[in-house]
C-alpha atoms as a PDB file:
ATOM      1  CA  MET A   1       9.476  10.368 -13.593  1.00  0.00           C
ATOM      2  CA  ARG A   2       9.818   6.608 -13.409  1.00  0.00           C
ATOM      3  CA  ARG A   3       6.858   5.498 -10.905  1.00  0.00           C
ATOM      4  CA  GLY A   4       8.006   5.252  -7.505  1.00  0.00           C
ATOM      5  CA  SER A   5      10.765   7.511  -7.921  1.00  0.00           C
ATOM      6  CA  LEU A   6       9.387   9.552  -4.591  1.00  0.00           C
ATOM      7  CA  LEU A   7       9.845   6.488  -2.263  1.00  0.00           C
ATOM      8  CA  LEU A   8      13.230   6.014  -3.652  1.00  0.00           C
ATOM      9  CA  GLU A   9      14.135   9.796  -2.051  1.00  0.00           C
ATOM     10  CA  ARG A  10      13.162   8.698   1.472  1.00  0.00           C
ATOM     11  CA  PRO A  11      15.200   6.697   3.851  1.00  0.00           C
ATOM     12  CA  ASP A  12      13.549   2.688   4.792  1.00  0.00           C
ATOM     13  CA  SER A  13      11.553   4.444   7.606  1.00  0.00           C
ATOM     14  CA  GLN A  14       9.669   6.976   5.725  1.00  0.00           C
ATOM     15  CA  LEU A  15       9.460   4.470   3.152  1.00  0.00           C
ATOM     16  CA  LEU A  16       7.427   1.980   4.583  1.00  0.00           C
ATOM     17  CA  GLU A  17       5.571   4.742   6.496  1.00  0.00           C
ATOM     18  CA  ARG A  18       4.791   5.934   2.988  1.00  0.00           C
ATOM     19  CA  LEU A  19       3.886   2.554   1.532  1.00  0.00           C
ATOM     20  CA  GLY A  20       1.562   1.891   4.143  1.00  0.00           C
ATOM     21  CA  SER A  21      -0.242   5.286   2.976  1.00  0.00           C
ATOM     22  CA  GLN A  22      -0.627   4.618  -0.158  1.00  0.00           C
ATOM     23  CA  LEU A  23      -2.194   1.352  -0.129  1.00  0.00           C
ATOM     24  CA  GLN A  24      -4.791   2.933   2.491  1.00  0.00           C
ATOM     25  CA  ALA A  25      -5.579   5.073  -0.594  1.00  0.00           C
ATOM     26  CA  LEU A  26      -6.560   2.768  -2.870  1.00  0.00           C
ATOM     27  CA  PRO A  27      -9.915   1.363  -2.228  1.00  0.00           C
ATOM     28  CA  GLY A  28     -11.606   3.215  -4.695  1.00  0.00           C
ATOM     29  CA  LEU A  29      -9.436   1.546  -7.822  1.00  0.00           C
ATOM     30  CA  GLN A  30     -10.256  -0.952 -10.341  1.00  0.00           C
ATOM     31  CA  PRO A  31      -8.785  -4.519  -9.627  1.00  0.00           C
ATOM     32  CA  ALA A  32      -6.019  -3.964 -12.638  1.00  0.00           C
ATOM     33  CA  GLU A  33      -5.505  -0.858 -11.240  1.00  0.00           C
ATOM     34  CA  LEU A  34      -4.924  -2.355  -7.992  1.00  0.00           C
ATOM     35  CA  ARG A  35      -2.509  -4.663  -9.320  1.00  0.00           C
ATOM     36  CA  ALA A  36      -0.734  -2.506 -11.173  1.00  0.00           C
ATOM     37  CA  GLU A  37      -0.559  -0.402  -7.374  1.00  0.00           C
ATOM     38  CA  MET A  38       0.833  -3.548  -5.392  1.00  0.00           C
ATOM     39  CA  PHE A  39       3.368  -4.712  -8.549  1.00  0.00           C
ATOM     40  CA  VAL A  40       5.218  -0.767  -7.695  1.00  0.00           C
ATOM     41  CA  VAL A  41       4.589  -1.299  -3.754  1.00  0.00           C
ATOM     42  CA  ALA A  42       5.802  -5.533  -3.816  1.00  0.00           C
ATOM     43  CA  ARG A  43       9.214  -4.009  -6.256  1.00  0.00           C
ATOM     44  CA  GLU A  44      10.168  -1.085  -3.569  1.00  0.00           C
ATOM     45  CA  ILE A  45      10.115  -3.537  -0.707  1.00  0.00           C
ATOM     46  CA  ALA A  46      11.785  -6.164  -2.541  1.00  0.00           C
ATOM     47  CA  ARG A  47      14.276  -3.250  -3.313  1.00  0.00           C
ATOM     48  CA  VAL A  48      14.522  -2.151   0.027  1.00  0.00           C
ATOM     49  CA  ASN A  49      14.920  -5.798   0.586  1.00  0.00           C
ATOM     50  CA  LEU A  50      18.147  -5.932  -0.903  1.00  0.00           C
ATOM     51  CA  VAL A  51      19.194  -2.777  -0.039  1.00  0.00           C
ATOM     52  CA  GLN A  52      19.300  -3.949   3.044  1.00  0.00           C
ATOM     53  CA  THR A  53      21.494  -7.397   2.457  1.00  0.00           C
ATOM     54  CA  ARG A  54      23.749  -6.242   1.138  1.00  0.00           C
ATOM     55  CA  VAL A  55      24.159  -3.921   3.517  1.00  0.00           C
ATOM     56  CA  ARG A  56      24.663  -7.014   5.746  1.00  0.00           C
ATOM     57  CA  LEU A  57      26.526  -8.558   3.636  1.00  0.00           C
ATOM     58  CA  GLY A  58      29.222  -5.546   3.340  1.00  0.00           C
ATOM     59  CA  ARG A  59      29.549  -5.617   7.218  1.00  0.00           C
ATOM     60  CA  GLN A  60      30.271  -9.040   7.473  1.00  0.00           C
END
């Protein structure tokens, strides 16, 4: 199972809430771990943006 797969199973509104809760849970991480987590978060946000763009373009 790849990282972030649980995020992919949620609707976009829940995804954003989940990302926010993950960010709040990060203060104890080392810098390298924090960078890795932030990469996962950024990738998921980019995926959501891409899906939303495809949906918008499909509706035009």
